[in-house]
Amino acid sequence: MSIERIHELDAELVSYLFQAAGMEVGQANGRFFQAEDNILLVAKEDGEPAGFLYAYILELRMPCGQKCFCIPLTFFPSFRGAG
């Protein structure tokens, strides 16, 4: 399995990821990829998307400085339990 960070909008891939996870997706927003602090990671098995994670890194005006908000890692049913 490999993990790849997606840096540019691939509307077809984003739609596939959300639909395969059973999530609703409207029109993919290219602005997400313009911010270096927005992250989309795609897990692939033999080149086929197996799941994904997206996250936002936010600057805070607190002593901790930054927080990362991760949307839970989603693996597609055919890849679950494979180790």
Protein backbone atom coordinates (compact mmCIF):
# COMPACT_ATOMS: atom_id res chain seq x y z
CA MET A 1 0.00 0.00 0.00
CA SER A 2 1.25 3.48 -0.80
CA ILE A 3 0.16 6.88 0.50
CA GLU A 4 0.12 9.84 -1.87
CA ARG A 5 -0.55 13.48 -1.10
CA ILE A 6 -2.73 15.11 -3.74
CA HIS A 7 -1.59 18.69 -4.45
CA GLU A 8 -3.98 19.72 -7.22
CA LEU A 9 -7.68 19.29 -7.79
CA ASP A 10 -8.55 16.11 -9.63
CA ALA A 11 -12.36 16.44 -9.56
CA GLU A 12 -12.89 12.91 -10.85
CA LEU A 13 -10.67 11.39 -8.14
CA VAL A 14 -12.24 13.48 -5.36
CA SER A 15 -15.75 12.52 -6.50
CA TYR A 16 -14.73 8.85 -6.63
CA LEU A 17 -13.21 8.98 -3.13
CA PHE A 18 -16.29 10.50 -1.52
CA GLN A 19 -18.77 8.31 -3.42
CA ALA A 20 -16.81 5.12 -2.65
CA ALA A 21 -16.90 6.09 1.03
CA GLY A 22 -20.68 6.58 0.87
CA MET A 23 -20.36 10.31 1.45
CA GLU A 24 -22.15 13.07 -0.42
CA VAL A 25 -20.00 15.36 -2.48
CA GLY A 26 -21.01 18.46 -4.32
CA GLN A 27 -18.71 20.18 -6.72
CA ALA A 28 -15.06 19.71 -5.67
CA ASN A 29 -13.51 22.96 -4.50
CA GLY A 30 -10.13 23.74 -6.06
CA ARG A 31 -9.40 26.36 -3.38
CA PHE A 32 -8.77 23.53 -0.89
CA PHE A 33 -5.58 22.66 -2.79
CA GLN A 34 -4.35 26.26 -2.98
CA ALA A 35 -3.58 26.32 0.75
CA GLU A 36 -0.46 24.36 1.73
CA ASP A 37 -2.06 23.75 5.14
CA ASN A 38 -4.88 21.70 3.61
CA ILE A 39 -4.00 18.04 3.15
CA LEU A 40 -5.57 15.23 1.11
CA LEU A 41 -3.84 11.86 1.44
CA VAL A 42 -4.93 8.91 -0.71
CA ALA A 43 -4.04 5.33 0.16
CA LYS A 44 -3.56 3.16 -2.92
CA GLU A 45 -3.21 -0.60 -3.33
CA ASP A 46 -1.71 -1.57 -6.68
CA GLY A 47 -2.58 1.90 -8.00
CA GLU A 48 -6.26 1.65 -6.98
CA PRO A 49 -7.59 4.12 -4.37
CA ALA A 50 -8.25 2.21 -1.15
CA GLY A 51 -9.12 5.11 1.14
CA PHE A 52 -8.31 8.68 2.07
CA LEU A 53 -7.85 11.24 4.80
CA TYR A 54 -8.15 14.99 4.63
CA ALA A 55 -7.02 17.51 7.19
CA TYR A 56 -6.57 21.19 7.92
CA ILE A 57 -3.68 22.74 9.81
CA LEU A 58 -4.77 25.91 11.60
CA GLU A 59 -2.65 28.62 13.18
CA LEU A 60 -3.96 29.49 16.63
CA ARG A 61 -3.35 32.46 18.88
CA MET A 62 -2.59 30.17 21.78
CA PRO A 63 0.61 28.77 23.24
CA CYS A 64 0.29 25.55 21.23
CA GLY A 65 0.54 27.50 17.95
CA GLN A 66 -1.00 24.99 15.54
CA LYS A 67 -3.76 22.40 15.51
CA CYS A 68 -4.42 19.76 12.91
CA PHE A 69 -8.04 18.83 12.32
CA CYS A 70 -8.26 15.42 10.64
CA ILE A 71 -11.37 14.05 9.10
CA PRO A 72 -11.31 10.33 10.04
CA LEU A 73 -9.34 8.03 7.76
CA THR A 74 -11.78 6.27 5.47
CA PHE A 75 -11.00 2.89 3.88
CA PHE A 76 -13.35 1.48 1.31
CA PRO A 77 -15.19 -1.76 2.25
CA SER A 78 -13.25 -3.98 -0.17
CA PHE A 79 -9.98 -2.95 1.54
CA ARG A 80 -11.06 -3.15 5.18
CA GLY A 81 -9.60 -5.86 7.38
CA ALA A 82 -6.73 -6.55 5.00
CA GLY A 83 -4.08 -5.55 7.51
